[in-house]
């Protein structure tokens, strides 16, 4: 009978069973291990309590950052048709007729018309990034005179051809200065011949 459970014994007895205090203590001690297992079960009330949430910092979403950065600059505007990607970047705000005539004659002698060229004053590049400039997708860049722009950081010597990616660069003096100096005209013409493959002479 000692090995039978209480429920099994009750099937043979009509009267209610009463446990002595000593028996209750023994039963309680024998169930200690079972209670510990129940306490550590994932479904236990202690484990089901929600943990305290702490927010250390708020990370802005990419959309928020994009809005807060402000509107992007408008694309750089180039004068002319710019059909062949030849960009003339000049120091002067505008080119007087004599200077323009010299430029047209030199480009025509190289086999290019003004419809293939884009004109850009240096002041239009101020506060613009190199990425903005590269977005023009110019294949040939002729820079005449001083320009406040990161393009000056390119390792280019005056009147020498420099290739950067798919773009060829030629830096020279200001067009106004070249128009007034025969030696500068000769230097520019020699460099243009090399740039447009009209001469095989030394650089």
N, C-alpha and C. Protein backbone atom coordinates (compact mmCIF):
# COMPACT_ATOMS: atom_id res chain seq x y z
N UNK A 1 0.83 -1.21 0.00
CA UNK A 1 0.00 0.00 0.00
C UNK A 1 0.86 1.25 0.00
N UNK A 2 2.11 1.19 0.52
CA UNK A 2 2.94 2.39 0.61
C UNK A 2 3.31 2.91 -0.78
N UNK A 3 3.36 2.01 -1.73
CA UNK A 3 3.78 2.42 -3.08
C UNK A 3 2.62 2.89 -3.94
N UNK A 4 1.37 2.72 -3.47
CA UNK A 4 0.22 3.14 -4.24
C UNK A 4 -0.04 4.62 -4.04
N UNK A 5 -0.54 5.26 -5.12
CA UNK A 5 -0.85 6.68 -5.00
C UNK A 5 -2.12 6.89 -4.20
N UNK A 6 -2.30 8.10 -3.72
CA UNK A 6 -3.49 8.41 -2.93
C UNK A 6 -4.74 8.24 -3.76
N UNK A 7 -4.69 8.66 -5.09
CA UNK A 7 -5.86 8.53 -5.91
C UNK A 7 -6.27 7.06 -6.08
N UNK A 8 -5.29 6.18 -6.20
CA UNK A 8 -5.59 4.75 -6.37
C UNK A 8 -6.21 4.17 -5.10
N UNK A 9 -5.71 4.60 -3.93
CA UNK A 9 -6.24 4.09 -2.66
C UNK A 9 -7.68 4.56 -2.46
N UNK A 10 -7.98 5.80 -2.92
CA UNK A 10 -9.31 6.33 -2.70
C UNK A 10 -10.39 5.55 -3.46
N UNK A 11 -10.01 4.82 -4.48
CA UNK A 11 -11.01 4.03 -5.22
C UNK A 11 -11.54 2.88 -4.38
N UNK A 12 -10.84 2.49 -3.31
CA UNK A 12 -11.27 1.39 -2.46
C UNK A 12 -11.87 1.87 -1.14
N UNK A 13 -11.81 3.18 -0.89
CA UNK A 13 -12.30 3.70 0.38
C UNK A 13 -13.45 4.66 0.14
N UNK A 14 -14.47 4.54 0.98
CA UNK A 14 -15.61 5.45 0.86
C UNK A 14 -15.40 6.71 1.67
N UNK A 15 -14.61 6.62 2.76
CA UNK A 15 -14.42 7.76 3.64
C UNK A 15 -13.32 8.66 3.11
N UNK A 16 -13.35 9.92 3.51
CA UNK A 16 -12.33 10.90 3.13
C UNK A 16 -11.04 10.63 3.87
N UNK A 17 -9.90 10.73 3.15
CA UNK A 17 -8.58 10.51 3.76
C UNK A 17 -8.07 11.81 4.34
N UNK A 18 -7.42 11.71 5.48
CA UNK A 18 -6.78 12.86 6.12
C UNK A 18 -5.31 12.54 6.31
N UNK A 19 -4.44 13.53 5.92
CA UNK A 19 -3.00 13.36 6.08
C UNK A 19 -2.54 13.93 7.40
N UNK A 20 -1.66 13.19 8.03
CA UNK A 20 -1.05 13.68 9.26
C UNK A 20 -0.05 14.78 8.92
N UNK A 21 0.24 15.68 9.82
CA UNK A 21 1.22 16.75 9.57
C UNK A 21 2.56 16.23 9.09
N UNK A 22 2.99 15.10 9.65
CA UNK A 22 4.29 14.54 9.23
C UNK A 22 4.25 14.09 7.78
N UNK A 23 3.09 13.48 7.39
CA UNK A 23 2.96 13.04 5.99
C UNK A 23 2.92 14.23 5.03
N UNK A 24 2.24 15.28 5.45
CA UNK A 24 2.20 16.47 4.60
C UNK A 24 3.60 17.05 4.38
N UNK A 25 4.40 17.03 5.43
CA UNK A 25 5.77 17.56 5.34
C UNK A 25 6.60 16.73 4.39
N UNK A 26 6.45 15.38 4.51
CA UNK A 26 7.22 14.49 3.64
C UNK A 26 6.84 14.67 2.16
N UNK A 27 5.54 14.81 1.93
CA UNK A 27 5.08 15.00 0.55
C UNK A 27 5.60 16.32 -0.01
N UNK A 28 5.58 17.37 0.82
CA UNK A 28 6.05 18.68 0.38
C UNK A 28 7.51 18.63 0.01
N UNK A 29 8.34 17.89 0.83
CA UNK A 29 9.76 17.79 0.54
C UNK A 29 10.02 17.01 -0.75
N UNK A 30 9.20 15.99 -1.00
CA UNK A 30 9.39 15.18 -2.21
C UNK A 30 9.02 15.93 -3.48
N UNK A 31 8.23 17.01 -3.35
CA UNK A 31 7.82 17.79 -4.52
C UNK A 31 8.70 19.00 -4.77
N UNK A 32 9.74 19.21 -3.96
CA UNK A 32 10.58 20.40 -4.11
C UNK A 32 11.24 20.43 -5.47
N UNK A 33 11.81 19.31 -5.92
CA UNK A 33 12.45 19.25 -7.23
C UNK A 33 11.50 19.55 -8.36
N UNK A 34 10.24 19.06 -8.23
CA UNK A 34 9.25 19.31 -9.27
C UNK A 34 8.90 20.77 -9.38
N UNK A 35 8.81 21.46 -8.24
CA UNK A 35 8.48 22.88 -8.24
C UNK A 35 9.59 23.70 -8.89
N UNK A 36 10.85 23.31 -8.65
CA UNK A 36 11.96 24.04 -9.25
C UNK A 36 11.92 23.94 -10.76
N UNK A 37 11.57 22.75 -11.24
CA UNK A 37 11.47 22.57 -12.68
C UNK A 37 10.35 23.44 -13.26
N UNK A 38 9.20 23.49 -12.54
CA UNK A 38 8.08 24.30 -12.99
C UNK A 38 8.43 25.79 -12.99
N UNK A 39 9.23 26.21 -11.99
CA UNK A 39 9.58 27.63 -11.90
C UNK A 39 10.43 28.08 -13.07
N UNK A 40 11.21 27.15 -13.62
CA UNK A 40 12.09 27.52 -14.72
C UNK A 40 11.47 27.26 -16.07
N UNK A 41 10.23 26.81 -16.13
CA UNK A 41 9.57 26.53 -17.40
C UNK A 41 9.27 27.84 -18.12
N UNK A 42 9.43 27.89 -19.45
CA UNK A 42 9.21 29.14 -20.18
C UNK A 42 7.83 29.72 -19.99
N UNK A 43 6.83 28.87 -19.66
CA UNK A 43 5.47 29.38 -19.51
C UNK A 43 5.17 29.90 -18.13
N UNK A 44 6.17 29.90 -17.23
CA UNK A 44 5.96 30.33 -15.86
C UNK A 44 5.60 31.82 -15.82
N UNK A 45 4.83 32.20 -14.80
CA UNK A 45 4.42 33.59 -14.69
C UNK A 45 5.61 34.51 -14.52
N UNK A 46 6.64 34.04 -13.76
CA UNK A 46 7.79 34.89 -13.52
C UNK A 46 8.51 35.22 -14.82
N UNK A 47 8.56 34.21 -15.73
CA UNK A 47 9.25 34.43 -17.00
C UNK A 47 8.38 35.18 -17.99
N UNK A 48 7.08 35.15 -17.80
CA UNK A 48 6.18 35.77 -18.75
C UNK A 48 6.01 37.26 -18.53
N UNK A 49 6.59 37.78 -17.42
CA UNK A 49 6.48 39.21 -17.17
C UNK A 49 7.29 39.98 -18.21
N UNK A 50 6.75 41.02 -18.76
CA UNK A 50 7.50 41.78 -19.77
C UNK A 50 8.70 42.46 -19.16
N UNK A 51 9.82 42.41 -19.87
CA UNK A 51 11.03 43.06 -19.39
C UNK A 51 10.93 44.56 -19.59
N UNK A 52 11.67 45.30 -18.73
CA UNK A 52 11.68 46.75 -18.87
C UNK A 52 12.45 47.12 -20.13
N UNK A 53 11.89 47.98 -20.95
CA UNK A 53 12.53 48.40 -22.19
C UNK A 53 13.25 49.72 -21.96
N UNK A 54 14.48 49.80 -22.48
CA UNK A 54 15.25 51.03 -22.38
C UNK A 54 15.67 51.47 -23.78
N UNK A 55 15.52 52.73 -24.10
CA UNK A 55 15.93 53.27 -25.39
C UNK A 55 17.14 54.16 -25.16
N UNK A 56 18.31 53.68 -25.61
CA UNK A 56 19.53 54.45 -25.40
C UNK A 56 19.59 55.67 -26.30
N UNK A 57 19.24 55.52 -27.58
CA UNK A 57 19.29 56.65 -28.50
C UNK A 57 18.34 56.39 -29.65
N UNK A 58 17.97 57.45 -30.31
CA UNK A 58 17.06 57.35 -31.46
C UNK A 58 17.89 57.47 -32.72
N UNK A 59 17.81 56.48 -33.59
CA UNK A 59 18.54 56.50 -34.85
C UNK A 59 17.62 57.00 -35.94
N UNK A 60 17.95 58.14 -36.57
CA UNK A 60 17.05 58.66 -37.61
C UNK A 60 17.03 57.76 -38.82
N UNK A 61 15.89 57.65 -39.42
CA UNK A 61 15.75 56.82 -40.62
C UNK A 61 16.37 57.53 -41.80
N UNK A 62 16.75 56.78 -42.87
CA UNK A 62 17.32 57.42 -44.06
C UNK A 62 16.40 58.48 -44.66
N UNK A 63 15.08 58.27 -44.57
CA UNK A 63 14.15 59.25 -45.13
C UNK A 63 14.24 60.56 -44.35
N UNK A 64 14.34 60.46 -43.02
CA UNK A 64 14.45 61.67 -42.20
C UNK A 64 15.72 62.43 -42.52
N UNK A 65 16.84 61.69 -42.68
CA UNK A 65 18.10 62.34 -42.99
C UNK A 65 18.04 63.03 -44.35
N UNK A 66 17.40 62.41 -45.31
CA UNK A 66 17.31 63.00 -46.64
C UNK A 66 16.53 64.29 -46.62
N UNK A 67 15.45 64.32 -45.85
CA UNK A 67 14.63 65.53 -45.77
C UNK A 67 15.38 66.64 -45.06
N UNK A 68 16.10 66.29 -43.98
CA UNK A 68 16.79 67.30 -43.19
C UNK A 68 18.00 67.87 -43.92
N UNK A 69 18.53 67.15 -44.92
CA UNK A 69 19.72 67.63 -45.62
C UNK A 69 19.41 68.78 -46.56
N UNK A 70 18.17 69.04 -46.83
CA UNK A 70 17.79 70.16 -47.67
C UNK A 70 17.77 69.78 -49.14
N UNK A 71 17.27 70.66 -49.98
CA UNK A 71 17.15 70.36 -51.41
C UNK A 71 18.51 70.32 -52.08
N UNK A 72 18.66 69.49 -53.10
CA UNK A 72 19.90 69.38 -53.84
C UNK A 72 20.04 70.55 -54.80
N UNK A 73 21.31 70.84 -55.20
CA UNK A 73 21.56 71.91 -56.15
C UNK A 73 20.98 71.54 -57.51
N UNK A 74 20.60 72.56 -58.26
CA UNK A 74 20.15 72.37 -59.63
C UNK A 74 21.36 71.98 -60.49
N UNK A 75 21.14 71.23 -61.56
CA UNK A 75 22.25 70.88 -62.45
C UNK A 75 22.93 72.13 -63.00
N UNK A 76 24.22 72.03 -63.26
CA UNK A 76 24.98 73.15 -63.82
C UNK A 76 24.49 73.42 -65.25
N UNK A 77 24.22 74.68 -65.52
CA UNK A 77 23.72 75.08 -66.83
C UNK A 77 24.87 75.47 -67.75
N UNK A 78 24.92 74.87 -68.93
CA UNK A 78 25.95 75.12 -69.92
C UNK A 78 25.35 75.85 -71.11
N UNK A 79 26.04 76.88 -71.61
CA UNK A 79 25.58 77.61 -72.79
C UNK A 79 26.04 76.88 -74.05
N UNK A 80 25.15 76.75 -75.02
CA UNK A 80 25.50 76.09 -76.27
C UNK A 80 24.87 74.71 -76.37
N UNK A 81 25.02 74.11 -77.53
CA UNK A 81 24.41 72.80 -77.77
C UNK A 81 25.14 71.65 -77.08
N UNK A 82 26.48 71.76 -77.00
CA UNK A 82 27.26 70.78 -76.23
C UNK A 82 27.07 69.36 -76.77
N UNK A 83 26.93 69.24 -78.11
CA UNK A 83 26.56 67.95 -78.69
C UNK A 83 27.69 66.92 -78.66
N UNK A 84 28.95 67.39 -78.67
CA UNK A 84 30.08 66.46 -78.66
C UNK A 84 30.78 66.38 -77.29
N UNK A 85 30.17 67.04 -76.30
CA UNK A 85 30.73 66.98 -74.95
C UNK A 85 32.04 67.74 -74.79
N UNK A 86 32.27 68.74 -75.62
CA UNK A 86 33.46 69.59 -75.50
C UNK A 86 33.09 70.81 -74.66
N UNK A 87 33.69 70.92 -73.48
CA UNK A 87 33.33 71.99 -72.55
C UNK A 87 34.46 73.01 -72.48
N UNK A 88 34.11 74.27 -72.72
CA UNK A 88 35.05 75.38 -72.60
C UNK A 88 34.74 76.12 -71.32
N UNK A 89 35.62 75.99 -70.36
CA UNK A 89 35.45 76.62 -69.05
C UNK A 89 36.36 77.85 -69.01
N UNK A 90 35.76 79.03 -68.94
CA UNK A 90 36.55 80.27 -69.07
C UNK A 90 36.44 81.14 -67.83
N UNK A 91 37.52 81.84 -67.55
CA UNK A 91 37.59 82.70 -66.37
C UNK A 91 36.65 83.89 -66.46
N UNK A 92 36.50 84.45 -67.64
CA UNK A 92 35.71 85.66 -67.83
C UNK A 92 34.22 85.39 -67.62
N UNK A 93 33.51 86.40 -67.12
CA UNK A 93 32.05 86.27 -66.98
C UNK A 93 31.39 86.14 -68.34
N UNK A 94 31.93 86.85 -69.33
CA UNK A 94 31.46 86.75 -70.71
C UNK A 94 32.64 86.99 -71.65
N UNK A 95 32.54 86.45 -72.84
CA UNK A 95 33.63 86.57 -73.81
C UNK A 95 33.30 87.67 -74.81
N UNK A 96 34.24 88.62 -74.97
CA UNK A 96 33.99 89.70 -75.94
C UNK A 96 34.12 89.16 -77.36
N UNK A 97 33.65 89.87 -78.36
CA UNK A 97 33.63 89.36 -79.74
C UNK A 97 34.99 88.93 -80.26
N UNK A 98 36.06 89.67 -79.94
CA UNK A 98 37.39 89.31 -80.43
C UNK A 98 37.85 87.98 -79.86
N UNK A 99 37.63 87.79 -78.57
CA UNK A 99 38.03 86.54 -77.93
C UNK A 99 37.19 85.39 -78.46
N UNK A 100 35.92 85.60 -78.63
CA UNK A 100 35.05 84.56 -79.17
C UNK A 100 35.46 84.19 -80.60
N UNK A 101 35.84 85.19 -81.38
CA UNK A 101 36.27 84.93 -82.76
C UNK A 101 37.52 84.06 -82.79
N UNK A 102 38.46 84.34 -81.89
CA UNK A 102 39.67 83.53 -81.81
C UNK A 102 39.34 82.09 -81.43
N UNK A 103 38.45 81.92 -80.45
CA UNK A 103 38.09 80.59 -80.00
C UNK A 103 37.40 79.80 -81.12
N UNK A 104 36.49 80.46 -81.83
CA UNK A 104 35.78 79.80 -82.92
C UNK A 104 36.74 79.35 -84.01
N UNK A 105 37.68 80.21 -84.38
CA UNK A 105 38.63 79.87 -85.43
C UNK A 105 39.52 78.69 -85.03
N UNK A 106 39.95 78.66 -83.77
CA UNK A 106 40.80 77.56 -83.33
C UNK A 106 40.04 76.24 -83.31
N UNK A 107 38.81 76.28 -82.85
CA UNK A 107 38.01 75.05 -82.80
C UNK A 107 37.66 74.57 -84.20
N UNK A 108 37.36 75.50 -85.10
CA UNK A 108 37.09 75.13 -86.48
C UNK A 108 38.31 74.49 -87.13
N UNK A 109 39.48 75.02 -86.82
CA UNK A 109 40.72 74.46 -87.37
C UNK A 109 40.97 73.06 -86.84
N UNK A 110 40.39 72.74 -85.68
CA UNK A 110 40.52 71.39 -85.10
C UNK A 110 39.41 70.46 -85.58
N UNK A 111 38.53 70.98 -86.45
CA UNK A 111 37.46 70.15 -87.00
C UNK A 111 36.19 70.14 -86.17
N UNK A 112 36.01 71.15 -85.33
CA UNK A 112 34.82 71.20 -84.48
C UNK A 112 34.14 72.56 -84.62
N UNK A 113 32.82 72.51 -84.65
CA UNK A 113 32.03 73.75 -84.72
C UNK A 113 31.52 74.10 -83.33
N UNK A 114 31.01 75.31 -83.19
CA UNK A 114 30.52 75.77 -81.89
C UNK A 114 29.25 75.03 -81.46
N UNK A 115 28.57 74.38 -82.41
CA UNK A 115 27.39 73.61 -82.01
C UNK A 115 27.77 72.38 -81.18
N UNK A 116 29.03 71.97 -81.28
CA UNK A 116 29.50 70.80 -80.54
C UNK A 116 30.05 71.16 -79.17
N UNK A 117 30.09 72.47 -78.89
CA UNK A 117 30.79 72.98 -77.71
C UNK A 117 29.79 73.57 -76.71
N UNK A 118 30.13 73.45 -75.43
CA UNK A 118 29.39 74.11 -74.37
C UNK A 118 30.29 75.11 -73.67
N UNK A 119 29.76 76.29 -73.37
CA UNK A 119 30.51 77.34 -72.70
C UNK A 119 30.05 77.46 -71.25
N UNK A 120 31.02 77.60 -70.35
CA UNK A 120 30.69 77.69 -68.93
C UNK A 120 31.62 78.69 -68.26
N UNK A 121 31.04 79.75 -67.70
CA UNK A 121 31.83 80.75 -66.98
C UNK A 121 32.26 80.19 -65.62
N UNK A 122 33.45 80.60 -65.20
CA UNK A 122 34.01 80.08 -63.95
C UNK A 122 33.11 80.35 -62.75
N UNK A 123 32.44 81.49 -62.76
CA UNK A 123 31.58 81.86 -61.63
C UNK A 123 30.42 80.89 -61.46
N UNK A 124 30.05 80.19 -62.52
CA UNK A 124 28.95 79.21 -62.43
C UNK A 124 29.37 77.95 -61.68
N UNK A 125 30.67 77.76 -61.46
CA UNK A 125 31.16 76.57 -60.76
C UNK A 125 31.44 76.81 -59.29
N UNK A 126 31.35 78.06 -58.85
CA UNK A 126 31.63 78.35 -57.44
C UNK A 126 30.63 77.64 -56.54
N UNK A 127 31.15 77.04 -55.47
CA UNK A 127 30.35 76.30 -54.48
C UNK A 127 29.71 75.04 -55.05
N UNK A 128 30.23 74.56 -56.17
CA UNK A 128 29.73 73.31 -56.73
C UNK A 128 30.79 72.23 -56.54
N UNK A 129 30.33 71.01 -56.30
CA UNK A 129 31.23 69.90 -56.02
C UNK A 129 31.79 69.30 -57.31
N UNK A 130 32.79 68.45 -57.14
CA UNK A 130 33.35 67.75 -58.30
C UNK A 130 32.31 66.80 -58.88
N UNK A 131 31.44 66.25 -58.03
CA UNK A 131 30.38 65.37 -58.50
C UNK A 131 29.40 66.13 -59.40
N UNK A 132 29.09 67.38 -59.01
CA UNK A 132 28.21 68.21 -59.84
C UNK A 132 28.84 68.44 -61.21
N UNK A 133 30.13 68.70 -61.20
CA UNK A 133 30.83 68.96 -62.46
C UNK A 133 30.87 67.71 -63.33
N UNK A 134 31.16 66.56 -62.72
CA UNK A 134 31.24 65.31 -63.48
C UNK A 134 29.89 64.91 -64.05
N UNK A 135 28.81 65.39 -63.43
CA UNK A 135 27.47 65.07 -63.92
C UNK A 135 27.22 65.67 -65.30
N UNK A 136 28.04 66.66 -65.71
CA UNK A 136 27.91 67.23 -67.04
C UNK A 136 28.32 66.22 -68.12
N UNK A 137 29.10 65.23 -67.72
CA UNK A 137 29.54 64.17 -68.64
C UNK A 137 30.31 64.74 -69.83
N UNK A 138 31.22 65.67 -69.55
CA UNK A 138 32.05 66.25 -70.61
C UNK A 138 33.15 65.26 -71.00
N UNK A 139 33.40 65.15 -72.30
CA UNK A 139 34.46 64.27 -72.79
C UNK A 139 35.79 65.00 -72.94
N UNK A 140 35.69 66.30 -73.20
CA UNK A 140 36.88 67.16 -73.31
C UNK A 140 36.61 68.42 -72.51
N UNK A 141 37.55 68.79 -71.64
CA UNK A 141 37.41 69.99 -70.82
C UNK A 141 38.58 70.92 -71.13
N UNK A 142 38.27 72.10 -71.64
CA UNK A 142 39.28 73.13 -71.90
C UNK A 142 39.09 74.22 -70.86
N UNK A 143 40.01 74.28 -69.90
CA UNK A 143 39.89 75.28 -68.82
C UNK A 143 40.85 76.42 -69.10
N UNK A 144 40.26 77.62 -69.22
CA UNK A 144 41.05 78.80 -69.52
C UNK A 144 41.01 79.77 -68.33
N UNK A 145 42.15 80.00 -67.72
CA UNK A 145 42.24 80.96 -66.61
C UNK A 145 41.93 80.34 -65.26
N UNK A 146 41.63 81.22 -64.31
CA UNK A 146 41.42 80.81 -62.92
C UNK A 146 39.97 80.41 -62.67
N UNK A 147 39.83 79.34 -61.91
CA UNK A 147 38.50 78.82 -61.58
C UNK A 147 38.51 78.39 -60.12
N UNK A 148 37.54 78.83 -59.34
CA UNK A 148 37.43 78.40 -57.94
C UNK A 148 36.60 77.12 -57.88
N UNK A 149 37.31 76.00 -57.98
CA UNK A 149 36.60 74.72 -58.02
C UNK A 149 37.60 73.60 -57.76
N UNK A 150 37.14 72.46 -57.19
CA UNK A 150 38.05 71.32 -56.95
C UNK A 150 38.74 70.78 -58.20
N UNK A 151 38.31 71.21 -59.38
CA UNK A 151 38.97 70.76 -60.60
C UNK A 151 40.44 71.17 -60.61
N UNK A 152 40.77 72.22 -59.85
CA UNK A 152 42.16 72.68 -59.77
C UNK A 152 43.07 71.67 -59.09
N UNK A 153 42.51 70.73 -58.35
CA UNK A 153 43.32 69.75 -57.64
C UNK A 153 43.83 68.63 -58.55
N UNK A 154 43.33 68.58 -59.77
CA UNK A 154 43.82 67.57 -60.70
C UNK A 154 45.27 67.87 -61.06
N UNK A 155 46.11 66.83 -61.14
CA UNK A 155 47.55 67.04 -61.42
C UNK A 155 47.80 67.36 -62.89
N UNK A 156 47.49 68.59 -63.29
CA UNK A 156 47.58 68.97 -64.69
C UNK A 156 48.51 70.17 -64.85
N UNK A 157 49.48 70.03 -65.74
CA UNK A 157 50.37 71.14 -66.07
C UNK A 157 49.76 71.94 -67.22
N UNK A 158 49.96 73.26 -67.22
CA UNK A 158 49.40 74.10 -68.29
C UNK A 158 49.88 73.64 -69.68
N UNK A 159 48.95 73.62 -70.60
CA UNK A 159 49.18 73.29 -72.00
C UNK A 159 49.64 71.84 -72.20
N UNK A 160 49.31 70.98 -71.25
CA UNK A 160 49.58 69.55 -71.39
C UNK A 160 48.27 68.79 -71.27
N UNK A 161 48.17 67.69 -72.00
CA UNK A 161 46.94 66.89 -72.00
C UNK A 161 46.96 65.95 -70.81
N UNK A 162 45.84 65.90 -70.10
CA UNK A 162 45.70 64.99 -68.95
C UNK A 162 44.39 64.22 -69.09
N UNK A 163 44.47 62.91 -68.92
CA UNK A 163 43.28 62.06 -69.01
C UNK A 163 42.87 61.59 -67.63
N UNK A 164 41.62 61.78 -67.31
CA UNK A 164 41.05 61.37 -66.01
C UNK A 164 39.79 60.58 -66.30
N UNK A 165 39.87 59.24 -66.18
CA UNK A 165 38.73 58.42 -66.54
C UNK A 165 38.50 58.48 -68.04
N UNK A 166 37.29 58.90 -68.43
CA UNK A 166 36.96 59.02 -69.85
C UNK A 166 36.99 60.47 -70.32
N UNK A 167 37.59 61.35 -69.52
CA UNK A 167 37.62 62.78 -69.85
C UNK A 167 39.05 63.24 -70.06
N UNK A 168 39.26 64.03 -71.11
CA UNK A 168 40.57 64.64 -71.38
C UNK A 168 40.52 66.11 -70.98
N UNK A 169 41.59 66.55 -70.31
CA UNK A 169 41.65 67.92 -69.80
C UNK A 169 42.81 68.67 -70.45
N UNK A 170 42.59 69.95 -70.68
CA UNK A 170 43.64 70.86 -71.12
C UNK A 170 43.46 72.17 -70.36
N UNK A 171 44.47 72.54 -69.56
CA UNK A 171 44.44 73.79 -68.81
C UNK A 171 45.33 74.80 -69.52
N UNK A 172 44.85 76.03 -69.61
CA UNK A 172 45.63 77.09 -70.27
C UNK A 172 45.34 78.42 -69.59
N UNK A 173 46.00 79.46 -70.08
CA UNK A 173 45.77 80.80 -69.54
C UNK A 173 44.38 81.29 -69.94
N UNK A 174 43.99 82.42 -69.38
CA UNK A 174 42.68 82.99 -69.70
C UNK A 174 42.62 83.31 -71.19
N UNK A 175 41.44 83.14 -71.77
CA UNK A 175 41.28 83.39 -73.20
C UNK A 175 41.63 84.83 -73.56
N UNK A 176 41.30 85.77 -72.69
CA UNK A 176 41.63 87.17 -72.96
C UNK A 176 43.14 87.35 -73.04
N UNK A 177 43.87 86.72 -72.13
CA UNK A 177 45.33 86.81 -72.15
C UNK A 177 45.91 86.16 -73.40
N UNK A 178 45.35 85.02 -73.80
CA UNK A 178 45.85 84.31 -74.98
C UNK A 178 45.61 85.14 -76.24
N UNK A 179 44.46 85.80 -76.32
CA UNK A 179 44.15 86.60 -77.51
C UNK A 179 45.09 87.78 -77.68
N UNK A 180 45.75 88.19 -76.60
CA UNK A 180 46.65 89.35 -76.65
C UNK A 180 48.12 88.95 -76.69
N UNK A 181 48.41 87.66 -76.69
CA UNK A 181 49.80 87.20 -76.64
C UNK A 181 50.02 86.12 -77.71
N UNK A 182 50.89 86.41 -78.69
CA UNK A 182 51.14 85.47 -79.78
C UNK A 182 51.78 84.18 -79.29
N UNK A 183 52.65 84.26 -78.30
CA UNK A 183 53.32 83.06 -77.79
C UNK A 183 52.31 82.11 -77.12
N UNK A 184 51.37 82.69 -76.38
CA UNK A 184 50.34 81.88 -75.75
C UNK A 184 49.43 81.25 -76.80
N UNK A 185 49.18 81.99 -77.88
CA UNK A 185 48.37 81.43 -78.98
C UNK A 185 49.05 80.21 -79.58
N UNK A 186 50.39 80.29 -79.78
CA UNK A 186 51.13 79.17 -80.35
C UNK A 186 51.07 77.97 -79.41
N UNK A 187 51.23 78.23 -78.11
CA UNK A 187 51.18 77.13 -77.13
C UNK A 187 49.81 76.44 -77.14
N UNK A 188 48.78 77.26 -77.17
CA UNK A 188 47.42 76.70 -77.17
C UNK A 188 47.17 75.91 -78.45
N UNK A 189 47.57 76.45 -79.58
CA UNK A 189 47.33 75.76 -80.84
C UNK A 189 48.07 74.42 -80.88
N UNK A 190 49.30 74.40 -80.39
CA UNK A 190 50.06 73.14 -80.37
C UNK A 190 49.38 72.12 -79.45
N UNK A 191 48.86 72.57 -78.31
CA UNK A 191 48.19 71.65 -77.39
C UNK A 191 46.88 71.14 -77.97
N UNK A 192 46.16 72.02 -78.67
CA UNK A 192 44.89 71.60 -79.29
C UNK A 192 45.13 70.57 -80.40
N UNK A 193 46.22 70.72 -81.13
CA UNK A 193 46.55 69.76 -82.17
C UNK A 193 46.78 68.37 -81.56
N UNK A 194 47.47 68.33 -80.43
CA UNK A 194 47.70 67.05 -79.76
C UNK A 194 46.39 66.48 -79.21
N UNK A 195 45.59 67.34 -78.63
CA UNK A 195 44.34 66.90 -78.00
C UNK A 195 43.41 66.27 -79.03
N UNK A 196 43.30 66.90 -80.20
CA UNK A 196 42.37 66.41 -81.22
C UNK A 196 43.06 65.59 -82.31
N UNK A 197 44.25 65.09 -81.95
CA UNK A 197 44.98 64.16 -82.85
C UNK A 197 45.25 64.76 -84.22
N UNK A 198 45.63 66.03 -84.24
CA UNK A 198 45.98 66.68 -85.50
C UNK A 198 47.49 66.74 -85.69
N UNK A 199 48.24 66.34 -84.68
CA UNK A 199 49.69 66.37 -84.77
C UNK A 199 50.25 65.23 -83.94
N UNK A 200 51.37 64.70 -84.37
CA UNK A 200 52.04 63.62 -83.62
C UNK A 200 53.33 64.12 -83.00
N UNK A 201 53.50 65.41 -82.94
CA UNK A 201 54.72 65.96 -82.38
C UNK A 201 54.78 65.76 -80.88
N UNK A 202 55.95 66.04 -80.26
CA UNK A 202 56.13 65.86 -78.82
C UNK A 202 55.29 66.84 -78.04
N UNK A 203 54.89 66.42 -76.83
CA UNK A 203 54.11 67.31 -75.97
C UNK A 203 54.98 68.43 -75.42
